[in-house]
Each structure stands twice: as structure tokens, then as C-alpha cells.
N, C-alpha and C. Protein backbone atom coordinates (compact mmCIF):
# COMPACT_ATOMS: atom_id res chain seq x y z
N UNK A 1 87.77 115.50 105.34
CA UNK A 1 86.78 114.95 106.05
C UNK A 1 86.44 115.75 107.50
N UNK A 2 85.17 115.23 107.56
CA UNK A 2 84.75 115.86 108.84
C UNK A 2 85.22 115.40 110.03
N UNK A 3 84.47 115.23 111.17
CA UNK A 3 85.26 114.67 112.26
C UNK A 3 85.30 113.21 112.42
N UNK A 4 86.12 112.80 113.41
CA UNK A 4 86.40 111.31 113.33
C UNK A 4 85.29 110.52 114.03
N UNK A 5 85.65 109.25 113.88
CA UNK A 5 84.60 108.57 114.58
C UNK A 5 85.07 107.99 115.90
N UNK A 6 84.25 108.22 117.12
CA UNK A 6 84.91 107.58 118.12
C UNK A 6 84.05 106.50 119.01
N UNK A 7 84.57 105.40 119.01
CA UNK A 7 83.69 104.41 119.56
C UNK A 7 84.47 103.72 120.67
N UNK A 8 83.95 103.74 121.98
CA UNK A 8 84.62 103.25 123.05
C UNK A 8 83.90 101.86 123.16
N UNK A 9 84.71 101.15 123.84
CA UNK A 9 84.29 99.62 124.06
C UNK A 9 83.59 99.66 125.66
N UNK A 10 82.50 99.14 125.63
CA UNK A 10 81.68 99.27 127.05
C UNK A 10 82.28 98.10 127.77
N UNK A 11 81.91 98.16 129.03
CA UNK A 11 82.27 97.28 130.01
C UNK A 11 81.79 96.08 130.01
N UNK A 12 82.47 94.88 129.64
CA UNK A 12 81.86 93.74 129.59
C UNK A 12 81.31 93.38 128.39
N UNK A 13 81.68 94.13 127.29
CA UNK A 13 81.09 94.10 125.80
C UNK A 13 82.29 92.99 125.17
N UNK A 14 81.64 92.22 124.26
CA UNK A 14 82.67 91.03 123.76
C UNK A 14 83.11 91.99 122.60
N UNK A 15 84.45 91.63 122.10
CA UNK A 15 85.20 92.27 120.92
C UNK A 15 84.15 92.22 119.56
N UNK A 16 83.28 91.15 119.29
CA UNK A 16 82.58 91.09 118.29
C UNK A 16 81.25 91.97 118.20
N UNK A 17 80.64 92.12 119.38
CA UNK A 17 79.74 93.21 119.59
C UNK A 17 80.27 94.67 119.37
N UNK A 18 81.33 94.78 120.15
CA UNK A 18 82.06 96.19 119.74
C UNK A 18 82.36 96.40 118.34
N UNK A 19 82.81 95.46 117.72
CA UNK A 19 83.44 95.69 116.29
C UNK A 19 82.03 95.82 115.43
N UNK A 20 81.03 95.01 115.68
CA UNK A 20 79.69 95.17 114.89
C UNK A 20 79.13 96.67 114.92
N UNK A 21 79.23 97.13 116.41
CA UNK A 21 78.75 98.51 116.66
C UNK A 21 79.54 99.46 115.90
N UNK A 22 80.82 99.34 116.17
CA UNK A 22 81.89 100.26 115.31
C UNK A 22 81.70 100.27 113.80
N UNK A 23 81.39 98.94 113.14
CA UNK A 23 81.20 98.83 111.68
C UNK A 23 80.04 99.66 111.46
N UNK A 24 78.69 99.48 112.06
CA UNK A 24 77.50 99.95 111.97
C UNK A 24 77.71 101.80 112.02
N UNK A 25 78.51 102.17 113.11
CA UNK A 25 78.71 103.51 113.05
C UNK A 25 79.46 104.20 111.74
N UNK A 26 80.50 103.42 111.50
CA UNK A 26 81.24 103.74 110.37
C UNK A 26 80.54 103.72 109.14
N UNK A 27 79.77 102.76 108.84
CA UNK A 27 78.84 102.89 107.74
C UNK A 27 78.04 103.97 107.49
N UNK A 28 77.45 104.40 108.65
CA UNK A 28 76.41 105.38 109.06
C UNK A 28 77.22 106.89 108.62
N UNK A 29 78.46 106.84 108.67
CA UNK A 29 78.97 108.31 109.00
C UNK A 29 79.14 108.54 107.22
N UNK A 30 79.33 107.62 106.45
CA UNK A 30 79.33 107.78 105.02
C UNK A 30 80.92 107.75 104.56
N UNK A 31 81.66 107.53 105.62
CA UNK A 31 83.15 107.62 105.44
C UNK A 31 83.68 106.38 104.23
N UNK A 32 82.96 105.37 104.50
CA UNK A 32 83.26 104.27 103.44
C UNK A 32 83.01 104.39 102.25
N UNK A 33 81.80 105.36 102.03
CA UNK A 33 81.66 105.79 100.79
C UNK A 33 82.65 106.75 100.05
N UNK A 34 82.76 107.66 101.02
CA UNK A 34 83.99 108.69 100.32
C UNK A 34 85.28 107.96 100.14
N UNK A 35 85.69 106.95 100.92
CA UNK A 35 86.77 106.26 100.36
C UNK A 35 86.94 105.54 99.15
N UNK A 36 85.69 104.80 99.10
CA UNK A 36 85.81 104.11 97.82
C UNK A 36 85.58 104.82 96.69
N UNK A 37 84.64 106.11 96.79
CA UNK A 37 84.72 107.04 95.53
C UNK A 37 86.00 107.68 95.06
N UNK A 38 86.83 107.79 96.14
CA UNK A 38 88.10 108.24 95.68
C UNK A 38 89.20 107.36 95.66
N UNK A 39 88.88 106.08 95.71
CA UNK A 39 90.19 105.09 95.70
C UNK A 39 90.92 105.02 94.52
N UNK A 40 90.19 105.17 93.48
CA UNK A 40 91.04 104.89 92.11
C UNK A 40 91.38 106.48 91.35
N UNK A 41 91.15 107.57 92.19
CA UNK A 41 90.99 108.84 91.51
C UNK A 41 92.62 109.18 90.96
N UNK A 42 92.71 109.64 90.03
CA UNK A 42 93.94 110.05 89.60
C UNK A 42 94.02 111.70 89.27
N UNK A 43 95.12 112.12 89.80
CA UNK A 43 95.05 114.04 89.45
C UNK A 43 95.32 113.70 87.81
N UNK A 44 94.77 115.03 87.08
CA UNK A 44 95.56 115.10 85.79
C UNK A 44 96.86 115.24 85.62
N UNK A 45 97.51 114.59 84.69
CA UNK A 45 98.93 114.58 84.54
C UNK A 45 99.45 116.04 84.25
N UNK A 46 100.91 116.23 84.16
CA UNK A 46 101.44 117.26 83.73
C UNK A 46 101.39 117.52 82.12
N UNK A 47 100.77 118.40 81.63
CA UNK A 47 100.88 118.55 80.13
C UNK A 47 102.02 118.13 79.20
N UNK A 48 103.34 118.60 79.65
CA UNK A 48 104.70 118.10 79.07
C UNK A 48 104.39 116.43 79.22
N UNK A 49 104.58 116.22 80.58
CA UNK A 49 104.79 114.70 80.69
C UNK A 49 103.87 113.94 79.78
N UNK A 50 102.38 114.27 79.92
CA UNK A 50 101.60 113.52 78.87
C UNK A 50 102.03 113.64 77.35
N UNK A 51 102.39 114.69 76.77
CA UNK A 51 102.82 114.75 75.65
C UNK A 51 103.88 113.97 75.34
N UNK A 52 104.98 113.84 76.34
CA UNK A 52 106.21 113.01 76.13
C UNK A 52 105.76 111.72 75.95
N UNK A 53 105.00 111.24 76.82
CA UNK A 53 104.71 109.65 76.91
C UNK A 53 103.85 109.49 75.59
N UNK A 54 103.19 110.33 75.04
CA UNK A 54 102.27 109.99 73.91
C UNK A 54 103.36 109.96 72.75
N UNK A 55 104.48 110.90 72.77
CA UNK A 55 105.33 110.87 71.76
C UNK A 55 105.99 109.53 71.64
N UNK A 56 106.64 109.18 73.04
CA UNK A 56 107.31 107.92 72.93
C UNK A 56 106.28 106.76 72.80
N UNK A 57 105.13 106.47 72.99
CA UNK A 57 104.14 105.59 72.61
C UNK A 57 104.22 105.42 70.92
N UNK A 58 104.14 106.48 70.27
CA UNK A 58 104.04 106.75 68.90
C UNK A 58 105.31 106.29 68.37
N UNK A 59 106.32 106.63 68.91
CA UNK A 59 107.83 106.31 68.40
C UNK A 59 108.04 104.67 68.50
N UNK A 60 107.53 103.94 69.75
CA UNK A 60 107.48 102.63 69.87
C UNK A 60 106.88 102.09 69.03
N UNK A 61 105.55 102.57 68.68
CA UNK A 61 104.86 101.80 67.67
C UNK A 61 104.96 101.66 66.28
N UNK A 62 105.72 102.92 65.83
CA UNK A 62 106.19 102.80 64.60
C UNK A 62 107.42 102.11 64.52
N UNK A 63 108.30 101.94 65.33
CA UNK A 63 109.47 100.83 65.52
C UNK A 63 109.16 99.27 65.32
N UNK A 64 108.03 99.16 66.20
CA UNK A 64 107.39 98.05 66.22
C UNK A 64 106.77 97.35 64.74
N UNK A 65 106.36 98.56 64.10
CA UNK A 65 105.70 98.19 62.99
C UNK A 65 106.65 98.14 61.89
N UNK A 66 107.85 98.82 61.99
CA UNK A 66 108.98 98.83 61.21
C UNK A 66 109.74 97.18 60.98
N UNK A 67 109.66 96.83 62.22
CA UNK A 67 110.40 95.77 62.73
C UNK A 67 109.49 94.19 61.91
N UNK A 68 108.53 94.54 62.33
CA UNK A 68 107.52 93.57 61.76
C UNK A 68 107.27 93.51 60.39
N UNK A 69 107.39 94.66 59.69
CA UNK A 69 107.31 94.85 58.14
C UNK A 69 108.70 94.27 57.59
N UNK A 70 109.52 94.56 58.25
CA UNK A 70 110.98 94.11 57.67
C UNK A 70 111.57 92.78 57.88
N UNK A 71 110.53 92.04 58.79
CA UNK A 71 110.50 90.47 58.95
C UNK A 71 111.77 90.40 60.04
N UNK A 72 112.11 91.55 60.82
CA UNK A 72 113.57 91.19 61.87
C UNK A 72 113.00 90.53 62.93
N UNK A 73 111.83 90.83 63.09
CA UNK A 73 110.99 90.37 64.25
C UNK A 73 109.66 89.79 64.17
N UNK A 74 109.16 88.60 64.81
CA UNK A 74 107.95 87.92 64.64
C UNK A 74 106.90 88.64 65.80
N UNK A 75 105.69 88.39 65.33
CA UNK A 75 104.59 88.99 66.29
C UNK A 75 104.71 88.03 67.70
N UNK A 76 104.98 87.04 67.73
CA UNK A 76 104.85 86.06 68.86
C UNK A 76 106.19 86.68 69.85
N UNK A 77 107.12 87.10 69.17
CA UNK A 77 108.45 87.37 69.81
C UNK A 77 108.05 88.67 70.62
N UNK A 78 107.40 89.70 69.84
CA UNK A 78 106.95 91.03 70.48
C UNK A 78 105.91 90.68 71.62
N UNK A 79 105.00 89.70 71.56
CA UNK A 79 103.98 89.23 72.75
C UNK A 79 104.89 88.87 73.83
N UNK A 80 105.81 88.01 73.62
CA UNK A 80 106.43 87.22 74.95
C UNK A 80 107.42 88.57 75.58
N UNK A 81 107.76 89.52 74.81
CA UNK A 81 108.64 90.54 75.62
C UNK A 81 107.44 91.43 76.38
N UNK A 82 106.54 91.57 75.71
CA UNK A 82 105.46 92.37 76.39
C UNK A 82 105.00 91.85 77.63
N UNK A 83 104.78 90.41 77.81
CA UNK A 83 104.52 89.88 79.09
C UNK A 83 105.10 89.22 79.79
N UNK A 84 106.64 89.78 79.45
CA UNK A 84 107.53 89.12 80.57
C UNK A 84 107.89 87.57 80.08
N UNK A 85 107.87 87.55 78.95
CA UNK A 85 108.28 86.21 78.50
C UNK A 85 107.84 85.13 78.73
N UNK A 86 106.17 85.10 78.77
CA UNK A 86 105.32 84.00 79.18
C UNK A 86 105.05 83.20 78.28
């Protein structure tokens, strides 16, 4: 990021007026937009880690499907586990 924003309170200035002036200066600097743009940014994951998690999901899906087909567990029971027993 570029330089920091410095706003000093003027003598006799109310806090509300100071805060408004600070907020306006912050908006004009564009820092709020930068922060909002990068808020949910996620780095690309490790290739091996991504592959392992994908394999794990496939394995769990196959296990779940097998349990449903053999009748050892019901769909409702699996949903309750998934959502923490709601």
C-alpha cells in the first residue's frame, strides 16, 4: 500500500466532525476499496493438498453411497450428522 493517512484533530473540533473528516479522507484515498477487493482473496492451494482433499471427498462420497445402498444408514441420519445434529 502507499502512504498512510494522517488526520489530526483541530483545536476545538468535535469528535463527530473529526471523524467525518477522517472518513471522507479515507474514502478519497481508495484504501477502503483496496481492502474490500482483497477481503475474501484466497491464495491458490498446494497441488498435493488439493489432490489429497479431492481424493478424500471422493472416498467419503463412495462410502456414503455404499452405506445408503446397503441400507445401513438412512439419508436423514447423514443429514443430521452433516449439520451437527440439527
